PDB file of all heavy atoms in Angstrom:
ATOM      1  N   SER A   1      -5.767 -25.929  20.980  1.00  0.00           N
ATOM      2  CA  SER A   1      -5.433 -24.534  21.300  1.00  0.00           C
ATOM      3  C   SER A   1      -4.484 -23.946  20.265  1.00  0.00           C
ATOM      4  O   SER A   1      -4.657 -22.794  19.829  1.00  0.00           O
ATOM      5  CB  SER A   1      -4.806 -24.461  22.692  1.00  0.00           C
ATOM      6  OG  SER A   1      -5.724 -24.861  23.682  1.00  0.00           O
ATOM      7  N   LEU A   2      -3.478 -24.728  19.856  1.00  0.00           N
ATOM      8  CA  LEU A   2      -2.554 -24.244  18.825  1.00  0.00           C
ATOM      9  C   LEU A   2      -3.274 -24.029  17.496  1.00  0.00           C
ATOM     10  O   LEU A   2      -3.048 -23.029  16.806  1.00  0.00           O
ATOM     11  CB  LEU A   2      -1.423 -25.248  18.630  1.00  0.00           C
ATOM     12  CG  LEU A   2      -0.362 -25.333  19.717  1.00  0.00           C
ATOM     13  CD1 LEU A   2       0.603 -26.472  19.404  1.00  0.00           C
ATOM     14  CD2 LEU A   2       0.401 -24.025  19.858  1.00  0.00           C
ATOM     15  N   LEU A   3      -4.135 -24.961  17.124  1.00  0.00           N
ATOM     16  CA  LEU A   3      -4.860 -24.848  15.860  1.00  0.00           C
ATOM     17  C   LEU A   3      -5.770 -23.635  15.837  1.00  0.00           C
ATOM     18  O   LEU A   3      -5.897 -22.952  14.816  1.00  0.00           O
ATOM     19  CB  LEU A   3      -5.666 -26.121  15.605  1.00  0.00           C
ATOM     20  CG  LEU A   3      -4.846 -27.343  15.184  1.00  0.00           C
ATOM     21  CD1 LEU A   3      -5.652 -28.624  15.366  1.00  0.00           C
ATOM     22  CD2 LEU A   3      -4.383 -27.205  13.748  1.00  0.00           C
ATOM     23  N   ARG A   4      -6.420 -23.356  16.951  1.00  0.00           N
ATOM     24  CA  ARG A   4      -7.282 -22.177  17.041  1.00  0.00           C
ATOM     25  C   ARG A   4      -6.472 -20.897  16.834  1.00  0.00           C
ATOM     26  O   ARG A   4      -6.880 -19.991  16.103  1.00  0.00           O
ATOM     27  CB  ARG A   4      -7.986 -22.128  18.395  1.00  0.00           C
ATOM     28  CG  ARG A   4      -9.171 -23.061  18.531  1.00  0.00           C
ATOM     29  CD  ARG A   4      -9.628 -23.179  19.967  1.00  0.00           C
ATOM     30  NE  ARG A   4     -10.006 -21.895  20.552  1.00  0.00           N
ATOM     31  CZ  ARG A   4     -11.204 -21.312  20.416  1.00  0.00           C
ATOM     32  NH1 ARG A   4     -12.144 -21.904  19.706  1.00  0.00           N
ATOM     33  NH2 ARG A   4     -11.471 -20.161  20.995  1.00  0.00           N
ATOM     34  N   ARG A   5      -5.328 -20.832  17.495  1.00  0.00           N
ATOM     35  CA  ARG A   5      -4.488 -19.642  17.358  1.00  0.00           C
ATOM     36  C   ARG A   5      -3.957 -19.521  15.933  1.00  0.00           C
ATOM     37  O   ARG A   5      -3.915 -18.418  15.365  1.00  0.00           O
ATOM     38  CB  ARG A   5      -3.328 -19.712  18.353  1.00  0.00           C
ATOM     39  CG  ARG A   5      -2.444 -18.477  18.340  1.00  0.00           C
ATOM     40  CD  ARG A   5      -1.495 -18.451  19.515  1.00  0.00           C
ATOM     41  NE  ARG A   5      -0.782 -17.193  19.569  1.00  0.00           N
ATOM     42  CZ  ARG A   5       0.058 -16.845  20.542  1.00  0.00           C
ATOM     43  NH1 ARG A   5       0.257 -17.658  21.571  1.00  0.00           N
ATOM     44  NH2 ARG A   5       0.683 -15.683  20.515  1.00  0.00           N
ATOM     45  N   PHE A   6      -3.553 -20.628  15.355  1.00  0.00           N
ATOM     46  CA  PHE A   6      -3.032 -20.623  13.992  1.00  0.00           C
ATOM     47  C   PHE A   6      -4.101 -20.180  13.004  1.00  0.00           C
ATOM     48  O   PHE A   6      -3.828 -19.412  12.072  1.00  0.00           O
ATOM     49  CB  PHE A   6      -2.528 -22.022  13.644  1.00  0.00           C
ATOM     50  CG  PHE A   6      -1.908 -22.139  12.282  1.00  0.00           C
ATOM     51  CD1 PHE A   6      -0.681 -21.563  12.015  1.00  0.00           C
ATOM     52  CD2 PHE A   6      -2.548 -22.858  11.276  1.00  0.00           C
ATOM     53  CE1 PHE A   6      -0.100 -21.688  10.752  1.00  0.00           C
ATOM     54  CE2 PHE A   6      -1.979 -22.991  10.028  1.00  0.00           C
ATOM     55  CZ  PHE A   6      -0.743 -22.400   9.760  1.00  0.00           C
ATOM     56  N   ARG A   7      -5.332 -20.653  13.202  1.00  0.00           N
ATOM     57  CA  ARG A   7      -6.432 -20.264  12.303  1.00  0.00           C
ATOM     58  C   ARG A   7      -6.710 -18.768  12.388  1.00  0.00           C
ATOM     59  O   ARG A   7      -6.986 -18.115  11.373  1.00  0.00           O
ATOM     60  CB  ARG A   7      -7.695 -21.057  12.658  1.00  0.00           C
ATOM     61  CG  ARG A   7      -8.966 -20.610  11.942  1.00  0.00           C
ATOM     62  CD  ARG A   7     -10.103 -21.594  12.138  1.00  0.00           C
ATOM     63  NE  ARG A   7     -10.382 -21.876  13.533  1.00  0.00           N
ATOM     64  CZ  ARG A   7     -11.153 -21.109  14.314  1.00  0.00           C
ATOM     65  NH1 ARG A   7     -11.681 -19.982  13.836  1.00  0.00           N
ATOM     66  NH2 ARG A   7     -11.405 -21.464  15.561  1.00  0.00           N
ATOM     67  N   LYS A   8      -6.624 -18.214  13.577  1.00  0.00           N
ATOM     68  CA  LYS A   8      -6.945 -16.804  13.765  1.00  0.00           C
ATOM     69  C   LYS A   8      -5.808 -15.863  13.369  1.00  0.00           C
ATOM     70  O   LYS A   8      -6.048 -14.769  12.850  1.00  0.00           O
ATOM     71  CB  LYS A   8      -7.318 -16.556  15.226  1.00  0.00           C
ATOM     72  CG  LYS A   8      -8.613 -17.232  15.660  1.00  0.00           C
ATOM     73  CD  LYS A   8      -8.873 -17.024  17.138  1.00  0.00           C
ATOM     74  CE  LYS A   8     -10.158 -17.719  17.584  1.00  0.00           C
ATOM     75  NZ  LYS A   8     -10.397 -17.551  19.041  1.00  0.00           N
ATOM     76  N   GLU A   9      -4.554 -16.299  13.610  1.00  0.00           N
ATOM     77  CA  GLU A   9      -3.412 -15.409  13.409  1.00  0.00           C
ATOM     78  C   GLU A   9      -2.555 -15.768  12.206  1.00  0.00           C
ATOM     79  O   GLU A   9      -1.735 -14.963  11.776  1.00  0.00           O
ATOM     80  CB  GLU A   9      -2.546 -15.386  14.679  1.00  0.00           C
ATOM     81  CG  GLU A   9      -3.315 -14.917  15.912  1.00  0.00           C
ATOM     82  CD  GLU A   9      -2.473 -14.935  17.175  1.00  0.00           C
ATOM     83  OE1 GLU A   9      -1.231 -15.135  17.066  1.00  0.00           O
ATOM     84  OE2 GLU A   9      -3.036 -14.753  18.271  1.00  0.00           O
ATOM     85  N   GLY A  10      -2.711 -16.999  11.699  1.00  0.00           N
ATOM     86  CA  GLY A  10      -1.961 -17.398  10.522  1.00  0.00           C
ATOM     87  C   GLY A  10      -0.558 -17.904  10.794  1.00  0.00           C
ATOM     88  O   GLY A  10       0.121 -18.378   9.873  1.00  0.00           O
ATOM     89  N   SER A  11      -0.093 -17.802  12.026  1.00  0.00           N
ATOM     90  CA  SER A  11       1.241 -18.286  12.394  1.00  0.00           C
ATOM     91  C   SER A  11       1.319 -18.384  13.911  1.00  0.00           C
ATOM     92  O   SER A  11       0.420 -17.912  14.623  1.00  0.00           O
ATOM     93  CB  SER A  11       2.332 -17.345  11.868  1.00  0.00           C
ATOM     94  OG  SER A  11       2.209 -16.065  12.467  1.00  0.00           O
ATOM     95  N   LEU A  12       2.405 -18.981  14.387  1.00  0.00           N
ATOM     96  CA  LEU A  12       2.655 -19.060  15.820  1.00  0.00           C
ATOM     97  C   LEU A  12       3.942 -18.320  16.143  1.00  0.00           C
ATOM     98  O   LEU A  12       4.870 -18.299  15.330  1.00  0.00           O
ATOM     99  CB  LEU A  12       2.776 -20.528  16.263  1.00  0.00           C
ATOM    100  CG  LEU A  12       1.551 -21.410  16.072  1.00  0.00           C
ATOM    101  CD1 LEU A  12       1.881 -22.847  16.501  1.00  0.00           C
ATOM    102  CD2 LEU A  12       0.356 -20.890  16.858  1.00  0.00           C
ATOM    103  N   PRO A  13       4.048 -17.718  17.312  1.00  0.00           N
ATOM    104  CA  PRO A  13       5.273 -16.985  17.655  1.00  0.00           C
ATOM    105  C   PRO A  13       6.443 -17.932  17.879  1.00  0.00           C
ATOM    106  O   PRO A  13       6.269 -19.072  18.335  1.00  0.00           O
ATOM    107  CB  PRO A  13       4.890 -16.269  18.957  1.00  0.00           C
ATOM    108  CG  PRO A  13       3.817 -17.129  19.555  1.00  0.00           C
ATOM    109  CD  PRO A  13       3.044 -17.665  18.393  1.00  0.00           C
ATOM    110  N   GLY A  14       7.651 -17.468  17.550  1.00  0.00           N
ATOM    111  CA  GLY A  14       8.848 -18.257  17.805  1.00  0.00           C
ATOM    112  C   GLY A  14       9.205 -18.215  19.282  1.00  0.00           C
ATOM    113  O   GLY A  14       9.145 -17.154  19.911  1.00  0.00           O
ATOM    114  N   ILE A  15       9.565 -19.375  19.843  1.00  0.00           N
ATOM    115  CA  ILE A  15       9.895 -19.469  21.261  1.00  0.00           C
ATOM    116  C   ILE A  15      11.299 -20.037  21.455  1.00  0.00           C
ATOM    117  O   ILE A  15      12.157 -19.437  22.081  1.00  0.00           O
ATOM    118  CB  ILE A  15       8.869 -20.348  22.000  1.00  0.00           C
ATOM    119  CG1 ILE A  15       7.460 -19.760  21.855  1.00  0.00           C
ATOM    120  CG2 ILE A  15       9.241 -20.493  23.483  1.00  0.00           C
ATOM    121  CD1 ILE A  15       6.353 -20.663  22.385  1.00  0.00           C
ATOM    122  N   HIS A  16      11.535 -21.205  20.904  1.00  0.00           N
ATOM    123  CA  HIS A  16      12.794 -21.940  20.947  1.00  0.00           C
ATOM    124  C   HIS A  16      12.740 -22.879  19.747  1.00  0.00           C
ATOM    125  O   HIS A  16      11.659 -23.376  19.412  1.00  0.00           O
ATOM    126  CB  HIS A  16      12.884 -22.725  22.268  1.00  0.00           C
ATOM    127  CG  HIS A  16      14.114 -23.555  22.425  1.00  0.00           C
ATOM    128  ND1 HIS A  16      14.294 -24.749  21.746  1.00  0.00           N
ATOM    129  CD2 HIS A  16      15.226 -23.391  23.187  1.00  0.00           C
ATOM    130  CE1 HIS A  16      15.466 -25.272  22.084  1.00  0.00           C
ATOM    131  NE2 HIS A  16      16.042 -24.468  22.955  1.00  0.00           N
ATOM    132  N   PRO A  17      13.865 -23.110  19.052  1.00  0.00           N
ATOM    133  CA  PRO A  17      13.786 -23.946  17.840  1.00  0.00           C
ATOM    134  C   PRO A  17      13.070 -25.270  18.036  1.00  0.00           C
ATOM    135  O   PRO A  17      12.269 -25.675  17.190  1.00  0.00           O
ATOM    136  CB  PRO A  17      15.257 -24.152  17.469  1.00  0.00           C
ATOM    137  CG  PRO A  17      15.957 -22.957  18.014  1.00  0.00           C
ATOM    138  CD  PRO A  17      15.229 -22.598  19.277  1.00  0.00           C
ATOM    139  N   LEU A  18      13.325 -25.954  19.158  1.00  0.00           N
ATOM    140  CA  LEU A  18      12.681 -27.254  19.373  1.00  0.00           C
ATOM    141  C   LEU A  18      11.191 -27.101  19.625  1.00  0.00           C
ATOM    142  O   LEU A  18      10.377 -27.863  19.094  1.00  0.00           O
ATOM    143  CB  LEU A  18      13.338 -27.981  20.540  1.00  0.00           C
ATOM    144  CG  LEU A  18      12.764 -29.378  20.832  1.00  0.00           C
ATOM    145  CD1 LEU A  18      12.956 -30.307  19.640  1.00  0.00           C
ATOM    146  CD2 LEU A  18      13.397 -29.971  22.083  1.00  0.00           C
ATOM    147  N   ILE A  19      10.809 -26.110  20.415  1.00  0.00           N
ATOM    148  CA  ILE A  19       9.387 -25.877  20.672  1.00  0.00           C
ATOM    149  C   ILE A  19       8.684 -25.473  19.381  1.00  0.00           C
ATOM    150  O   ILE A  19       7.576 -25.944  19.087  1.00  0.00           O
ATOM    151  CB  ILE A  19       9.196 -24.801  21.752  1.00  0.00           C
ATOM    152  CG1 ILE A  19       9.781 -25.284  23.081  1.00  0.00           C
ATOM    153  CG2 ILE A  19       7.714 -24.459  21.923  1.00  0.00           C
ATOM    154  CD1 ILE A  19       9.760 -24.248  24.184  1.00  0.00           C
ATOM    155  N   ASP A  20       9.329 -24.615  18.602  1.00  0.00           N
ATOM    156  CA  ASP A  20       8.728 -24.185  17.340  1.00  0.00           C
ATOM    157  C   ASP A  20       8.499 -25.385  16.415  1.00  0.00           C
ATOM    158  O   ASP A  20       7.443 -25.503  15.773  1.00  0.00           O
ATOM    159  CB  ASP A  20       9.629 -23.164  16.643  1.00  0.00           C
ATOM    160  CG  ASP A  20       9.827 -21.892  17.458  1.00  0.00           C
ATOM    161  OD1 ASP A  20       9.060 -21.674  18.417  1.00  0.00           O
ATOM    162  OD2 ASP A  20      10.752 -21.128  17.132  1.00  0.00           O
ATOM    163  N   LEU A  21       9.475 -26.277  16.367  1.00  0.00           N
ATOM    164  CA  LEU A  21       9.352 -27.468  15.525  1.00  0.00           C
ATOM    165  C   LEU A  21       8.215 -28.360  16.012  1.00  0.00           C
ATOM    166  O   LEU A  21       7.387 -28.819  15.212  1.00  0.00           O
ATOM    167  CB  LEU A  21      10.672 -28.239  15.548  1.00  0.00           C
ATOM    168  CG  LEU A  21      10.690 -29.569  14.793  1.00  0.00           C
ATOM    169  CD1 LEU A  21      10.549 -29.351  13.302  1.00  0.00           C
ATOM    170  CD2 LEU A  21      11.974 -30.342  15.102  1.00  0.00           C
ATOM    171  N   CYS A  22       8.156 -28.604  17.320  1.00  0.00           N
ATOM    172  CA  CYS A  22       7.109 -29.482  17.854  1.00  0.00           C
ATOM    173  C   CYS A  22       5.727 -28.861  17.740  1.00  0.00           C
ATOM    174  O   CYS A  22       4.744 -29.569  17.476  1.00  0.00           O
ATOM    175  CB  CYS A  22       7.428 -29.834  19.307  1.00  0.00           C
ATOM    176  SG  CYS A  22       8.838 -30.952  19.483  1.00  0.00           S
ATOM    177  N   ASN A  23       5.636 -27.546  17.909  1.00  0.00           N
ATOM    178  CA  ASN A  23       4.343 -26.877  17.713  1.00  0.00           C
ATOM    179  C   ASN A  23       3.874 -27.010  16.268  1.00  0.00           C
ATOM    180  O   ASN A  23       2.694 -27.247  16.011  1.00  0.00           O
ATOM    181  CB  ASN A  23       4.448 -25.410  18.098  1.00  0.00           C
ATOM    182  CG  ASN A  23       4.398 -25.180  19.598  1.00  0.00           C
ATOM    183  OD1 ASN A  23       4.068 -26.080  20.367  1.00  0.00           O
ATOM    184  ND2 ASN A  23       4.728 -23.975  20.027  1.00  0.00           N
ATOM    185  N   ALA A  24       4.808 -26.856  15.328  1.00  0.00           N
ATOM    186  CA  ALA A  24       4.440 -26.978  13.915  1.00  0.00           C
ATOM    187  C   ALA A  24       4.019 -28.408  13.590  1.00  0.00           C
ATOM    188  O   ALA A  24       3.076 -28.635  12.823  1.00  0.00           O
ATOM    189  CB  ALA A  24       5.609 -26.550  13.035  1.00  0.00           C
ATOM    190  N   ALA A  25       4.699 -29.389  14.177  1.00  0.00           N
ATOM    191  CA  ALA A  25       4.315 -30.786  13.962  1.00  0.00           C
ATOM    192  C   ALA A  25       2.939 -31.067  14.549  1.00  0.00           C
ATOM    193  O   ALA A  25       2.137 -31.800  13.964  1.00  0.00           O
ATOM    194  CB  ALA A  25       5.363 -31.712  14.578  1.00  0.00           C
ATOM    195  N   SER A  26       2.664 -30.477  15.712  1.00  0.00           N
ATOM    196  CA  SER A  26       1.347 -30.631  16.322  1.00  0.00           C
ATOM    197  C   SER A  26       0.265 -30.046  15.424  1.00  0.00           C
ATOM    198  O   SER A  26      -0.807 -30.632  15.260  1.00  0.00           O
ATOM    199  CB  SER A  26       1.328 -29.958  17.699  1.00  0.00           C
ATOM    200  OG  SER A  26       0.099 -30.145  18.347  1.00  0.00           O
ATOM    201  N   LEU A  27       0.539 -28.893  14.815  1.00  0.00           N
ATOM    202  CA  LEU A  27      -0.403 -28.296  13.864  1.00  0.00           C
ATOM    203  C   LEU A  27      -0.626 -29.223  12.676  1.00  0.00           C
ATOM    204  O   LEU A  27      -1.760 -29.446  12.254  1.00  0.00           O
ATOM    205  CB  LEU A  27       0.143 -26.966  13.350  1.00  0.00           C
ATOM    206  CG  LEU A  27       0.156 -25.761  14.281  1.00  0.00           C
ATOM    207  CD1 LEU A  27       0.809 -24.577  13.566  1.00  0.00           C
ATOM    208  CD2 LEU A  27      -1.248 -25.394  14.728  1.00  0.00           C
ATOM    209  N   ALA A  28       0.461 -29.746  12.119  1.00  0.00           N
ATOM    210  CA  ALA A  28       0.372 -30.557  10.904  1.00  0.00           C
ATOM    211  C   ALA A  28      -0.430 -31.827  11.118  1.00  0.00           C
ATOM    212  O   ALA A  28      -1.187 -32.245  10.235  1.00  0.00           O
ATOM    213  CB  ALA A  28       1.773 -30.892  10.403  1.00  0.00           C
ATOM    214  N   PHE A  29      -0.284 -32.442  12.306  1.00  0.00           N
ATOM    215  CA  PHE A  29      -0.942 -33.717  12.571  1.00  0.00           C
ATOM    216  C   PHE A  29      -2.183 -33.582  13.447  1.00  0.00           C
ATOM    217  O   PHE A  29      -2.914 -34.550  13.636  1.00  0.00           O
ATOM    218  CB  PHE A  29       0.044 -34.680  13.235  1.00  0.00           C
ATOM    219  CG  PHE A  29       1.100 -35.216  12.307  1.00  0.00           C
ATOM    220  CD1 PHE A  29       2.261 -34.511  12.086  1.00  0.00           C
ATOM    221  CD2 PHE A  29       0.907 -36.409  11.637  1.00  0.00           C
ATOM    222  CE1 PHE A  29       3.241 -34.995  11.222  1.00  0.00           C
ATOM    223  CE2 PHE A  29       1.874 -36.913  10.775  1.00  0.00           C
ATOM    224  CZ  PHE A  29       3.043 -36.194  10.567  1.00  0.00           C
ATOM    225  N   ALA A  30      -2.433 -32.387  13.985  1.00  0.00           N
ATOM    226  CA  ALA A  30      -3.560 -32.143  14.897  1.00  0.00           C
ATOM    227  C   ALA A  30      -3.506 -33.089  16.104  1.00  0.00           C
ATOM    228  O   ALA A  30      -4.538 -33.549  16.600  1.00  0.00           O
ATOM    229  CB  ALA A  30      -4.903 -32.265  14.177  1.00  0.00           C
ATOM    230  N   ILE A  31      -2.301 -33.354  16.567  1.00  0.00           N
ATOM    231  CA  ILE A  31      -2.059 -34.240  17.698  1.00  0.00           C
ATOM    232  C   ILE A  31      -1.271 -33.472  18.750  1.00  0.00           C
ATOM    233  O   ILE A  31      -0.281 -32.808  18.412  1.00  0.00           O
ATOM    234  CB  ILE A  31      -1.276 -35.493  17.247  1.00  0.00           C
ATOM    235  CG1 ILE A  31      -2.156 -36.373  16.342  1.00  0.00           C
ATOM    236  CG2 ILE A  31      -0.764 -36.298  18.439  1.00  0.00           C
ATOM    237  CD1 ILE A  31      -1.412 -37.525  15.695  1.00  0.00           C
ATOM    238  N   PRO A  32      -1.662 -33.517  20.018  1.00  0.00           N
ATOM    239  CA  PRO A  32      -0.908 -32.798  21.055  1.00  0.00           C
ATOM    240  C   PRO A  32       0.494 -33.366  21.231  1.00  0.00           C
ATOM    241  O   PRO A  32       0.679 -34.587  21.282  1.00  0.00           O
ATOM    242  CB  PRO A  32      -1.751 -32.977  22.320  1.00  0.00           C
ATOM    243  CG  PRO A  32      -2.656 -34.123  22.036  1.00  0.00           C
ATOM    244  CD  PRO A  32      -2.867 -34.164  20.566  1.00  0.00           C
ATOM    245  N   VAL A  33       1.465 -32.466  21.316  1.00  0.00           N
ATOM    246  CA  VAL A  33       2.870 -32.833  21.467  1.00  0.00           C
ATOM    247  C   VAL A  33       3.432 -32.072  22.666  1.00  0.00           C
ATOM    248  O   VAL A  33       3.385 -30.843  22.702  1.00  0.00           O
ATOM    249  CB  VAL A  33       3.685 -32.488  20.200  1.00  0.00           C
ATOM    250  CG1 VAL A  33       5.162 -32.831  20.404  1.00  0.00           C
ATOM    251  CG2 VAL A  33       3.132 -33.223  18.984  1.00  0.00           C
ATOM    252  N   GLY A  34       3.957 -32.791  23.629  1.00  0.00           N
ATOM    253  CA  GLY A  34       4.587 -32.172  24.784  1.00  0.00           C
ATOM    254  C   GLY A  34       6.090 -32.355  24.728  1.00  0.00           C
ATOM    255  O   GLY A  34       6.575 -33.397  24.278  1.00  0.00           O
ATOM    256  N   VAL A  35       6.840 -31.338  25.178  1.00  0.00           N
ATOM    257  CA  VAL A  35       8.300 -31.389  25.177  1.00  0.00           C
ATOM    258  C   VAL A  35       8.785 -31.077  26.585  1.00  0.00           C
ATOM    259  O   VAL A  35       8.466 -30.012  27.123  1.00  0.00           O
ATOM    260  CB  VAL A  35       8.912 -30.383  24.186  1.00  0.00           C
ATOM    261  CG1 VAL A  35      10.396 -30.686  23.971  1.00  0.00           C
ATOM    262  CG2 VAL A  35       8.169 -30.378  22.869  1.00  0.00           C
ATOM    263  N   PHE A  36       9.571 -31.967  27.161  1.00  0.00           N
ATOM    264  CA  PHE A  36      10.005 -31.821  28.545  1.00  0.00           C
ATOM    265  C   PHE A  36      11.525 -31.801  28.649  1.00  0.00           C
ATOM    266  O   PHE A  36      12.213 -32.585  27.985  1.00  0.00           O
ATOM    267  CB  PHE A  36       9.464 -32.981  29.387  1.00  0.00           C
ATOM    268  CG  PHE A  36       7.971 -33.101  29.375  1.00  0.00           C
ATOM    269  CD1 PHE A  36       7.327 -33.842  28.403  1.00  0.00           C
ATOM    270  CD2 PHE A  36       7.198 -32.452  30.331  1.00  0.00           C
ATOM    271  CE1 PHE A  36       5.948 -33.953  28.376  1.00  0.00           C
ATOM    272  CE2 PHE A  36       5.815 -32.547  30.308  1.00  0.00           C
ATOM    273  CZ  PHE A  36       5.190 -33.301  29.335  1.00  0.00           C
ATOM    274  N   ASP A  37      12.041 -30.912  29.487  1.00  0.00           N
ATOM    275  CA  ASP A  37      13.461 -30.841  29.814  1.00  0.00           C
ATOM    276  C   ASP A  37      13.735 -31.896  30.879  1.00  0.00           C
ATOM    277  O   ASP A  37      13.306 -31.753  32.031  1.00  0.00           O
ATOM    278  CB  ASP A  37      13.798 -29.442  30.328  1.00  0.00           C
ATOM    279  CG  ASP A  37      15.274 -29.261  30.641  1.00  0.00           C
ATOM    280  OD1 ASP A  37      15.986 -30.267  30.818  1.00  0.00           O
ATOM    281  OD2 ASP A  37      15.712 -28.102  30.737  1.00  0.00           O
ATOM    282  N   LEU A  38      14.457 -32.949  30.529  1.00  0.00           N
ATOM    283  CA  LEU A  38      14.643 -34.065  31.451  1.00  0.00           C
ATOM    284  C   LEU A  38      15.479 -33.698  32.673  1.00  0.00           C
ATOM    285  O   LEU A  38      15.374 -34.365  33.711  1.00  0.00           O
ATOM    286  CB  LEU A  38      15.265 -35.252  30.724  1.00  0.00           C
ATOM    287  CG  LEU A  38      14.298 -36.094  29.891  1.00  0.00           C
ATOM    288  CD1 LEU A  38      15.034 -37.232  29.209  1.00  0.00           C
ATOM    289  CD2 LEU A  38      13.170 -36.647  30.750  1.00  0.00           C
ATOM    290  N   ALA A  39      16.279 -32.658  32.583  1.00  0.00           N
ATOM    291  CA  ALA A  39      17.057 -32.235  33.748  1.00  0.00           C
ATOM    292  C   ALA A  39      16.160 -31.700  34.857  1.00  0.00           C
ATOM    293  O   ALA A  39      16.588 -31.596  36.010  1.00  0.00           O
ATOM    294  CB  ALA A  39      18.075 -31.163  33.342  1.00  0.00           C
ATOM    295  N   ARG A  40      14.915 -31.391  34.519  1.00  0.00           N
ATOM    296  CA  ARG A  40      13.974 -30.809  35.488  1.00  0.00           C
ATOM    297  C   ARG A  40      12.973 -31.834  36.003  1.00  0.00           C
ATOM    298  O   ARG A  40      12.034 -31.491  36.706  1.00  0.00           O
ATOM    299  CB  ARG A  40      13.244 -29.640  34.833  1.00  0.00           C
ATOM    300  CG  ARG A  40      14.149 -28.592  34.195  1.00  0.00           C
ATOM    301  CD  ARG A  40      14.758 -27.684  35.212  1.00  0.00           C
ATOM    302  NE  ARG A  40      13.752 -26.777  35.757  1.00  0.00           N
ATOM    303  CZ  ARG A  40      13.991 -25.873  36.705  1.00  0.00           C
ATOM    304  NH1 ARG A  40      15.204 -25.786  37.225  1.00  0.00           N
ATOM    305  NH2 ARG A  40      13.029 -25.087  37.138  1.00  0.00           N
ATOM    306  N   ILE A  41      13.169 -33.098  35.637  1.00  0.00           N
ATOM    307  CA  ILE A  41      12.266 -34.171  36.060  1.00  0.00           C
ATOM    308  C   ILE A  41      13.019 -35.102  37.005  1.00  0.00           C
ATOM    309  O   ILE A  41      14.152 -35.495  36.732  1.00  0.00           O
ATOM    310  CB  ILE A  41      11.724 -34.939  34.845  1.00  0.00           C
ATOM    311  CG1 ILE A  41      10.823 -34.017  34.018  1.00  0.00           C
ATOM    312  CG2 ILE A  41      10.961 -36.184  35.272  1.00  0.00           C
ATOM    313  CD1 ILE A  41      10.343 -34.616  32.715  1.00  0.00           C
ATOM    314  N   THR A  42      12.384 -35.446  38.111  1.00  0.00           N
ATOM    315  CA  THR A  42      12.996 -36.311  39.122  1.00  0.00           C
ATOM    316  C   THR A  42      12.456 -37.727  38.997  1.00  0.00           C
ATOM    317  O   THR A  42      11.257 -37.954  39.146  1.00  0.00           O
ATOM    318  CB  THR A  42      12.706 -35.775  40.533  1.00  0.00           C
ATOM    319  OG1 THR A  42      13.208 -34.432  40.645  1.00  0.00           O
ATOM    320  CG2 THR A  42      13.361 -36.646  41.588  1.00  0.00           C
ATOM    321  N   GLY A  43      13.343 -38.676  38.738  1.00  0.00           N
ATOM    322  CA  GLY A  43      12.928 -40.071  38.656  1.00  0.00           C
ATOM    323  C   GLY A  43      12.099 -40.356  37.417  1.00  0.00           C
ATOM    324  O   GLY A  43      12.313 -39.778  36.353  1.00  0.00           O
ATOM    325  N   ASP A  44      11.128 -41.245  37.570  1.00  0.00           N
ATOM    326  CA  ASP A  44      10.286 -41.650  36.448  1.00  0.00           C
ATOM    327  C   ASP A  44       9.189 -40.623  36.184  1.00  0.00           C
ATOM    328  O   ASP A  44       8.820 -39.840  37.063  1.00  0.00           O
ATOM    329  CB  ASP A  44       9.647 -43.010  36.738  1.00  0.00           C
ATOM    330  CG  ASP A  44      10.685 -44.103  36.960  1.00  0.00           C
ATOM    331  OD1 ASP A  44      11.761 -44.031  36.334  1.00  0.00           O
ATOM    332  OD2 ASP A  44      10.418 -45.000  37.771  1.00  0.00           O
TER     333      ASP A  44
END
C-alpha cells in the first residue's frame, strides 16, 4: 500500500518522525513495518 502511494504521488505525508522513518524504511526494503506504542498494549 505504501509503495503504491509512493509510486503515484512521489512521496508520503509526514505524520510523526518515527512513523515517517519506518514508512521510508518499509519503502526502501519493500517489507511491511509496524510500529506500536507499548503503553497501549496489555500484557504479551
